[in-house]
PDB file of N, CA and C in Angstrom:
ATOM      1  N   MET A   1      -7.857 -67.886 -16.427  1.00  0.00           N
ATOM      2  CA  MET A   1      -8.915 -68.539 -17.168  1.00  0.00           C
ATOM      3  C   MET A   1      -8.818 -68.146 -18.639  1.00  0.00           C
ATOM      4  N   THR A   2      -8.921 -69.105 -19.521  1.00  0.00           N
ATOM      5  CA  THR A   2      -8.884 -68.852 -20.955  1.00  0.00           C
ATOM      6  C   THR A   2     -10.286 -69.006 -21.527  1.00  0.00           C
ATOM      7  N   THR A   3     -10.689 -68.039 -22.330  1.00  0.00           N
ATOM      8  CA  THR A   3     -11.976 -68.093 -23.000  1.00  0.00           C
ATOM      9  C   THR A   3     -11.771 -68.672 -24.390  1.00  0.00           C
ATOM     10  N   SER A   4     -12.678 -69.547 -24.829  1.00  0.00           N
ATOM     11  CA  SER A   4     -12.587 -70.155 -26.157  1.00  0.00           C
ATOM     12  C   SER A   4     -13.799 -69.778 -26.992  1.00  0.00           C
ATOM     13  N   TYR A   5     -13.571 -69.659 -28.312  1.00  0.00           N
ATOM     14  CA  TYR A   5     -14.638 -69.306 -29.236  1.00  0.00           C
ATOM     15  C   TYR A   5     -14.335 -69.936 -30.587  1.00  0.00           C
ATOM     16  N   THR A   6     -15.357 -70.403 -31.290  1.00  0.00           N
ATOM     17  CA  THR A   6     -15.187 -70.928 -32.641  1.00  0.00           C
ATOM     18  C   THR A   6     -15.792 -69.940 -33.629  1.00  0.00           C
ATOM     19  N   ALA A   7     -14.950 -69.427 -34.520  1.00  0.00           N
ATOM     20  CA  ALA A   7     -15.390 -68.442 -35.512  1.00  0.00           C
ATOM     21  C   ALA A   7     -16.118 -69.136 -36.664  1.00  0.00           C
ATOM     22  N   ARG A   8     -16.909 -68.356 -37.395  1.00  0.00           N
ATOM     23  CA  ARG A   8     -17.608 -68.832 -38.589  1.00  0.00           C
ATOM     24  C   ARG A   8     -17.026 -68.128 -39.813  1.00  0.00           C
ATOM     25  N   PRO A   9     -17.145 -68.736 -41.004  1.00  0.00           N
ATOM     26  CA  PRO A   9     -16.664 -68.063 -42.212  1.00  0.00           C
ATOM     27  C   PRO A   9     -17.315 -66.684 -42.358  1.00  0.00           C
ATOM     28  N   TRP A  10     -16.554 -65.723 -42.811  1.00  0.00           N
ATOM     29  CA  TRP A  10     -16.962 -64.333 -43.041  1.00  0.00           C
ATOM     30  C   TRP A  10     -17.288 -63.580 -41.756  1.00  0.00           C
ATOM     31  N   GLU A  11     -16.853 -64.077 -40.631  1.00  0.00           N
ATOM     32  CA  GLU A  11     -17.180 -63.421 -39.366  1.00  0.00           C
ATOM     33  C   GLU A  11     -16.141 -62.362 -39.005  1.00  0.00           C
ATOM     34  N   PHE A  12     -16.629 -61.266 -38.436  1.00  0.00           N
ATOM     35  CA  PHE A  12     -15.780 -60.250 -37.822  1.00  0.00           C
ATOM     36  C   PHE A  12     -15.890 -60.482 -36.324  1.00  0.00           C
ATOM     37  N   VAL A  13     -14.825 -60.990 -35.718  1.00  0.00           N
ATOM     38  CA  VAL A  13     -14.847 -61.370 -34.305  1.00  0.00           C
ATOM     39  C   VAL A  13     -14.268 -60.229 -33.482  1.00  0.00           C
ATOM     40  N   ARG A  14     -15.056 -59.700 -32.574  1.00  0.00           N
ATOM     41  CA  ARG A  14     -14.589 -58.659 -31.653  1.00  0.00           C
ATOM     42  C   ARG A  14     -14.237 -59.334 -30.335  1.00  0.00           C
ATOM     43  N   VAL A  15     -13.033 -59.050 -29.847  1.00  0.00           N
ATOM     44  CA  VAL A  15     -12.544 -59.734 -28.655  1.00  0.00           C
ATOM     45  C   VAL A  15     -12.288 -58.726 -27.544  1.00  0.00           C
ATOM     46  N   ASN A  16     -12.838 -59.009 -26.387  1.00  0.00           N
ATOM     47  CA  ASN A  16     -12.551 -58.258 -25.181  1.00  0.00           C
ATOM     48  C   ASN A  16     -11.592 -59.123 -24.375  1.00  0.00           C
ATOM     49  N   ALA A  17     -10.304 -58.860 -24.508  1.00  0.00           N
ATOM     50  CA  ALA A  17      -9.278 -59.768 -23.982  1.00  0.00           C
ATOM     51  C   ALA A  17      -8.754 -59.343 -22.618  1.00  0.00           C
ATOM     52  N   HIS A  18      -9.612 -59.402 -21.619  1.00  0.00           N
ATOM     53  CA  HIS A  18      -9.140 -59.168 -20.255  1.00  0.00           C
ATOM     54  C   HIS A  18      -8.481 -60.427 -19.705  1.00  0.00           C
ATOM     55  N   ASP A  19      -8.758 -61.566 -20.322  1.00  0.00           N
ATOM     56  CA  ASP A  19      -8.119 -62.846 -20.026  1.00  0.00           C
ATOM     57  C   ASP A  19      -7.653 -63.416 -21.359  1.00  0.00           C
ATOM     58  N   PRO A  20      -6.741 -64.385 -21.360  1.00  0.00           N
ATOM     59  CA  PRO A  20      -6.332 -65.002 -22.626  1.00  0.00           C
ATOM     60  C   PRO A  20      -7.539 -65.580 -23.376  1.00  0.00           C
ATOM     61  N   VAL A  21      -7.491 -65.496 -24.702  1.00  0.00           N
ATOM     62  CA  VAL A  21      -8.591 -65.956 -25.547  1.00  0.00           C
ATOM     63  C   VAL A  21      -8.042 -66.919 -26.597  1.00  0.00           C
ATOM     64  N   THR A  22      -8.757 -68.023 -26.800  1.00  0.00           N
ATOM     65  CA  THR A  22      -8.433 -68.983 -27.853  1.00  0.00           C
ATOM     66  C   THR A  22      -9.566 -68.966 -28.865  1.00  0.00           C
ATOM     67  N   ILE A  23      -9.218 -68.754 -30.136  1.00  0.00           N
ATOM     68  CA  ILE A  23     -10.219 -68.750 -31.205  1.00  0.00           C
ATOM     69  C   ILE A  23      -9.889 -69.876 -32.166  1.00  0.00           C
ATOM     70  N   ARG A  24     -10.884 -70.705 -32.434  1.00  0.00           N
ATOM     71  CA  ARG A  24     -10.734 -71.791 -33.407  1.00  0.00           C
ATOM     72  C   ARG A  24     -11.391 -71.372 -34.708  1.00  0.00           C
ATOM     73  N   LEU A  25     -10.726 -71.693 -35.801  1.00  0.00           N
ATOM     74  CA  LEU A  25     -11.260 -71.390 -37.126  1.00  0.00           C
ATOM     75  C   LEU A  25     -12.064 -72.576 -37.640  1.00  0.00           C
ATOM     76  N   PRO A  26     -13.016 -72.324 -38.538  1.00  0.00           N
ATOM     77  CA  PRO A  26     -13.778 -73.434 -39.110  1.00  0.00           C
ATOM     78  C   PRO A  26     -12.875 -74.299 -39.995  1.00  0.00           C
ATOM     79  N   PRO A  27     -13.295 -75.517 -40.320  1.00  0.00           N
ATOM     80  CA  PRO A  27     -12.483 -76.388 -41.176  1.00  0.00           C
ATOM     81  C   PRO A  27     -12.178 -75.723 -42.520  1.00  0.00           C
ATOM     82  N   ALA A  28     -10.926 -75.804 -42.941  1.00  0.00           N
ATOM     83  CA  ALA A  28     -10.504 -75.171 -44.196  1.00  0.00           C
ATOM     84  C   ALA A  28     -11.192 -75.792 -45.410  1.00  0.00           C
ATOM     85  N   THR A  29     -11.440 -77.089 -45.365  1.00  0.00           N
ATOM     86  CA  THR A  29     -12.022 -77.766 -46.527  1.00  0.00           C
ATOM     87  C   THR A  29     -13.423 -77.267 -46.861  1.00  0.00           C
ATOM     88  N   SER A  30     -14.135 -76.753 -45.874  1.00  0.00           N
ATOM     89  CA  SER A  30     -15.489 -76.251 -46.136  1.00  0.00           C
ATOM     90  C   SER A  30     -15.562 -74.725 -46.104  1.00  0.00           C
ATOM     91  N   SER A  31     -14.402 -74.056 -46.107  1.00  0.00           N
ATOM     92  CA  SER A  31     -14.379 -72.593 -45.986  1.00  0.00           C
ATOM     93  C   SER A  31     -13.587 -71.909 -47.089  1.00  0.00           C
ATOM     94  N   ALA A  32     -13.357 -72.586 -48.205  1.00  0.00           N
ATOM     95  CA  ALA A  32     -12.542 -72.025 -49.290  1.00  0.00           C
ATOM     96  C   ALA A  32     -13.077 -70.672 -49.746  1.00  0.00           C
ATOM     97  N   GLY A  33     -12.163 -69.707 -49.885  1.00  0.00           N
ATOM     98  CA  GLY A  33     -12.519 -68.385 -50.379  1.00  0.00           C
ATOM     99  C   GLY A  33     -13.113 -67.455 -49.341  1.00  0.00           C
ATOM    100  N   THR A  34     -13.171 -67.874 -48.089  1.00  0.00           N
ATOM    101  CA  THR A  34     -13.759 -67.028 -47.056  1.00  0.00           C
ATOM    102  C   THR A  34     -12.680 -66.381 -46.199  1.00  0.00           C
ATOM    103  N   GLU A  35     -13.087 -65.360 -45.465  1.00  0.00           N
ATOM    104  CA  GLU A  35     -12.189 -64.654 -44.559  1.00  0.00           C
ATOM    105  C   GLU A  35     -12.778 -64.625 -43.161  1.00  0.00           C
ATOM    106  N   VAL A  36     -11.900 -64.462 -42.191  1.00  0.00           N
ATOM    107  CA  VAL A  36     -12.280 -64.188 -40.809  1.00  0.00           C
ATOM    108  C   VAL A  36     -11.372 -63.059 -40.343  1.00  0.00           C
ATOM    109  N   VAL A  37     -11.955 -62.046 -39.726  1.00  0.00           N
ATOM    110  CA  VAL A  37     -11.182 -60.936 -39.175  1.00  0.00           C
ATOM    111  C   VAL A  37     -11.393 -60.931 -37.668  1.00  0.00           C
ATOM    112  N   ILE A  38     -10.292 -60.847 -36.930  1.00  0.00           N
ATOM    113  CA  ILE A  38     -10.348 -60.854 -35.472  1.00  0.00           C
ATOM    114  C   ILE A  38      -9.739 -59.554 -34.976  1.00  0.00           C
ATOM    115  N   ARG A  39     -10.485 -58.839 -34.152  1.00  0.00           N
ATOM    116  CA  ARG A  39     -10.043 -57.528 -33.668  1.00  0.00           C
ATOM    117  C   ARG A  39     -10.213 -57.453 -32.158  1.00  0.00           C
ATOM    118  N   GLU A  40      -9.151 -57.070 -31.469  1.00  0.00           N
ATOM    119  CA  GLU A  40      -9.259 -56.840 -30.030  1.00  0.00           C
ATOM    120  C   GLU A  40      -9.810 -55.437 -29.829  1.00  0.00           C
ATOM    121  N   ILE A  41     -10.971 -55.344 -29.193  1.00  0.00           N
ATOM    122  CA  ILE A  41     -11.616 -54.043 -29.008  1.00  0.00           C
ATOM    123  C   ILE A  41     -11.414 -53.485 -27.609  1.00  0.00           C
ATOM    124  N   ALA A  42     -11.036 -54.337 -26.678  1.00  0.00           N
ATOM    125  CA  ALA A  42     -10.795 -53.894 -25.307  1.00  0.00           C
ATOM    126  C   ALA A  42      -9.952 -54.945 -24.609  1.00  0.00           C
ATOM    127  N   GLY A  43      -9.380 -54.551 -23.518  1.00  0.00           N
ATOM    128  CA  GLY A  43      -8.616 -55.511 -22.740  1.00  0.00           C
ATOM    129  C   GLY A  43      -7.189 -55.061 -22.535  1.00  0.00           C
ATOM    130  N   GLU A  44      -6.450 -55.936 -21.956  1.00  0.00           N
ATOM    131  CA  GLU A  44      -5.053 -55.683 -21.643  1.00  0.00           C
ATOM    132  C   GLU A  44      -4.187 -56.316 -22.723  1.00  0.00           C
ATOM    133  N   GLU A  45      -2.952 -56.549 -22.383  1.00  0.00           N
ATOM    134  CA  GLU A  45      -2.048 -57.203 -23.324  1.00  0.00           C
ATOM    135  C   GLU A  45      -2.137 -58.718 -23.186  1.00  0.00           C
ATOM    136  N   GLU A  46      -3.341 -59.211 -23.033  1.00  0.00           N
ATOM    137  CA  GLU A  46      -3.548 -60.654 -22.951  1.00  0.00           C
ATOM    138  C   GLU A  46      -3.489 -61.243 -24.351  1.00  0.00           C
ATOM    139  N   ALA A  47      -3.059 -62.468 -24.433  1.00  0.00           N
ATOM    140  CA  ALA A  47      -2.855 -63.100 -25.730  1.00  0.00           C
ATOM    141  C   ALA A  47      -4.158 -63.594 -26.339  1.00  0.00           C
ATOM    142  N   ILE A  48      -4.250 -63.423 -27.646  1.00  0.00           N
ATOM    143  CA  ILE A  48      -5.311 -64.025 -28.442  1.00  0.00           C
ATOM    144  C   ILE A  48      -4.612 -65.058 -29.318  1.00  0.00           C
ATOM    145  N   ALA A  49      -4.914 -66.322 -29.108  1.00  0.00           N
ATOM    146  CA  ALA A  49      -4.308 -67.401 -29.884  1.00  0.00           C
ATOM    147  C   ALA A  49      -5.340 -67.930 -30.868  1.00  0.00           C
ATOM    148  N   ILE A  50      -4.912 -68.137 -32.115  1.00  0.00           N
ATOM    149  CA  ILE A  50      -5.821 -68.595 -33.164  1.00  0.00           C
ATOM    150  C   ILE A  50      -5.349 -69.954 -33.659  1.00  0.00           C
ATOM    151  N   PHE A  51      -6.288 -70.901 -33.659  1.00  0.00           N
ATOM    152  CA  PHE A  51      -5.985 -72.277 -34.030  1.00  0.00           C
ATOM    153  C   PHE A  51      -6.869 -72.727 -35.181  1.00  0.00           C
ATOM    154  N   THR A  52      -6.338 -73.638 -35.998  1.00  0.00           N
ATOM    155  CA  THR A  52      -7.150 -74.276 -37.031  1.00  0.00           C
ATOM    156  C   THR A  52      -8.061 -75.299 -36.362  1.00  0.00           C
ATOM    157  N   SER A  53      -8.979 -75.853 -37.128  1.00  0.00           N
ATOM    158  CA  SER A  53      -9.892 -76.864 -36.577  1.00  0.00           C
ATOM    159  C   SER A  53      -9.153 -78.142 -36.194  1.00  0.00           C
ATOM    160  N   THR A  54      -7.936 -78.330 -36.723  1.00  0.00           N
ATOM    161  CA  THR A  54      -7.146 -79.517 -36.381  1.00  0.00           C
ATOM    162  C   THR A  54      -6.205 -79.273 -35.209  1.00  0.00           C
ATOM    163  N   GLY A  55      -6.217 -78.059 -34.649  1.00  0.00           N
ATOM    164  CA  GLY A  55      -5.430 -77.772 -33.457  1.00  0.00           C
ATOM    165  C   GLY A  55      -4.095 -77.099 -33.687  1.00  0.00           C
ATOM    166  N   GLN A  56      -3.758 -76.761 -34.926  1.00  0.00           N
ATOM    167  CA  GLN A  56      -2.491 -76.091 -35.221  1.00  0.00           C
ATOM    168  C   GLN A  56      -2.623 -74.596 -34.937  1.00  0.00           C
ATOM    169  N   GLN A  57      -1.713 -74.048 -34.126  1.00  0.00           N
ATOM    170  CA  GLN A  57      -1.737 -72.609 -33.864  1.00  0.00           C
ATOM    171  C   GLN A  57      -1.142 -71.892 -35.062  1.00  0.00           C
ATOM    172  N   ILE A  58      -1.886 -70.912 -35.605  1.00  0.00           N
ATOM    173  CA  ILE A  58      -1.394 -70.210 -36.789  1.00  0.00           C
ATOM    174  C   ILE A  58      -1.153 -68.730 -36.548  1.00  0.00           C
ATOM    175  N   ALA A  59      -1.660 -68.192 -35.458  1.00  0.00           N
ATOM    176  CA  ALA A  59      -1.435 -66.776 -35.176  1.00  0.00           C
ATOM    177  C   ALA A  59      -1.579 -66.530 -33.686  1.00  0.00           C
ATOM    178  N   ARG A  60      -0.948 -65.447 -33.255  1.00  0.00           N
ATOM    179  CA  ARG A  60      -1.040 -65.044 -31.854  1.00  0.00           C
ATOM    180  C   ARG A  60      -0.880 -63.535 -31.808  1.00  0.00           C
ATOM    181  N   ASN A  61      -1.763 -62.890 -31.084  1.00  0.00           N
ATOM    182  CA  ASN A  61      -1.716 -61.445 -30.943  1.00  0.00           C
ATOM    183  C   ASN A  61      -1.582 -61.131 -29.466  1.00  0.00           C
ATOM    184  N   GLY A  62      -0.559 -60.380 -29.097  1.00  0.00           N
ATOM    185  CA  GLY A  62      -0.362 -60.054 -27.698  1.00  0.00           C
ATOM    186  C   GLY A  62      -0.304 -58.567 -27.433  1.00  0.00           C
ATOM    187  N   TYR A  63      -0.813 -57.766 -28.358  1.00  0.00           N
ATOM    188  CA  TYR A  63      -0.794 -56.326 -28.136  1.00  0.00           C
ATOM    189  C   TYR A  63      -2.206 -55.764 -28.249  1.00  0.00           C
ATOM    190  N   PRO A  64      -2.501 -54.699 -27.509  1.00  0.00           N
ATOM    191  CA  PRO A  64      -3.859 -54.146 -27.482  1.00  0.00           C
ATOM    192  C   PRO A  64      -4.307 -53.620 -28.846  1.00  0.00           C
ATOM    193  N   ASN A  65      -5.582 -53.753 -29.121  1.00  0.00           N
ATOM    194  CA  ASN A  65      -6.230 -53.217 -30.319  1.00  0.00           C
ATOM    195  C   ASN A  65      -5.666 -53.763 -31.623  1.00  0.00           C
ATOM    196  N   GLY A  66      -5.110 -54.947 -31.588  1.00  0.00           N
ATOM    197  CA  GLY A  66      -4.573 -55.567 -32.795  1.00  0.00           C
ATOM    198  C   GLY A  66      -5.671 -56.190 -33.641  1.00  0.00           C
ATOM    199  N   THR A  67      -5.395 -56.314 -34.938  1.00  0.00           N
ATOM    200  CA  THR A  67      -6.323 -56.946 -35.873  1.00  0.00           C
ATOM    201  C   THR A  67      -5.589 -58.040 -36.631  1.00  0.00           C
ATOM    202  N   ILE A  68      -6.230 -59.187 -36.769  1.00  0.00           N
ATOM    203  CA  ILE A  68      -5.677 -60.294 -37.549  1.00  0.00           C
ATOM    204  C   ILE A  68      -6.703 -60.658 -38.612  1.00  0.00           C
ATOM    205  N   ARG A  69      -6.263 -60.683 -39.863  1.00  0.00           N
ATOM    206  CA  ARG A  69      -7.140 -61.029 -40.987  1.00  0.00           C
ATOM    207  C   ARG A  69      -6.657 -62.351 -41.565  1.00  0.00           C
ATOM    208  N   LEU A  70      -7.579 -63.289 -41.738  1.00  0.00           N
ATOM    209  CA  LEU A  70      -7.235 -64.621 -42.227  1.00  0.00           C
ATOM    210  C   LEU A  70      -8.065 -64.955 -43.460  1.00  0.00           C
ATOM    211  N   LEU A  71      -7.437 -65.614 -44.419  1.00  0.00           N
ATOM    212  CA  LEU A  71      -8.085 -66.032 -45.657  1.00  0.00           C
ATOM    213  C   LEU A  71      -7.911 -67.534 -45.803  1.00  0.00           C
ATOM    214  N   CYS A  72      -8.965 -68.214 -46.218  1.00  0.00           N
ATOM    215  CA  CYS A  72      -8.906 -69.661 -46.405  1.00  0.00           C
ATOM    216  C   CYS A  72      -8.797 -69.985 -47.892  1.00  0.00           C
ATOM    217  N   ASP A  73      -7.847 -70.852 -48.246  1.00  0.00           N
ATOM    218  CA  ASP A  73      -7.688 -71.258 -49.646  1.00  0.00           C
ATOM    219  C   ASP A  73      -8.277 -72.642 -49.918  1.00  0.00           C
ATOM    220  N   GLY A  74      -8.985 -73.191 -48.942  1.00  0.00           N
ATOM    221  CA  GLY A  74      -9.586 -74.512 -49.097  1.00  0.00           C
ATOM    222  C   GLY A  74      -8.726 -75.628 -48.536  1.00  0.00           C
ATOM    223  N   THR A  75      -7.460 -75.314 -48.269  1.00  0.00           N
ATOM    224  CA  THR A  75      -6.541 -76.285 -47.683  1.00  0.00           C
ATOM    225  C   THR A  75      -6.077 -75.843 -46.308  1.00  0.00           C
ATOM    226  N   THR A  76      -5.839 -74.536 -46.179  1.00  0.00           N
ATOM    227  CA  THR A  76      -5.345 -73.987 -44.921  1.00  0.00           C
ATOM    228  C   THR A  76      -5.818 -72.544 -44.766  1.00  0.00           C
ATOM    229  N   TRP A  77      -5.610 -71.986 -43.589  1.00  0.00           N
ATOM    230  CA  TRP A  77      -5.897 -70.578 -43.328  1.00  0.00           C
ATOM    231  C   TRP A  77      -4.597 -69.802 -43.442  1.00  0.00           C
ATOM    232  N   ILE A  78      -4.639 -68.653 -44.099  1.00  0.00           N
ATOM    233  CA  ILE A  78      -3.462 -67.828 -44.339  1.00  0.00           C
ATOM    234  C   ILE A  78      -3.637 -66.505 -43.603  1.00  0.00           C
ATOM    235  N   VAL A  79      -2.621 -66.105 -42.832  1.00  0.00           N
ATOM    236  CA  VAL A  79      -2.642 -64.820 -42.143  1.00  0.00           C
ATOM    237  C   VAL A  79      -2.217 -63.756 -43.145  1.00  0.00           C
ATOM    238  N   LEU A  80      -3.076 -62.752 -43.340  1.00  0.00           N
ATOM    239  CA  LEU A  80      -2.764 -61.681 -44.301  1.00  0.00           C
ATOM    240  C   LEU A  80      -2.143 -60.494 -43.605  1.00  0.00           C
TER     241      LEU A  80
END
């Protein structure tokens, strides 16, 4: 079973990844200059997949306690 979640601008998302997790980012056009940080706080080596609002996968984390920081430039989300 995959769990899905939609992040908000400036959100720090804590993920308990005992099952695969899909996180959608807010639209880039309305999120310019904002960040989203995603951190796995518990779970196994289940994948955390991060997608834009248009469905493009931009990041994937498959290791425990990983952190992904994303910045929006108004056109796209950038993995820092």
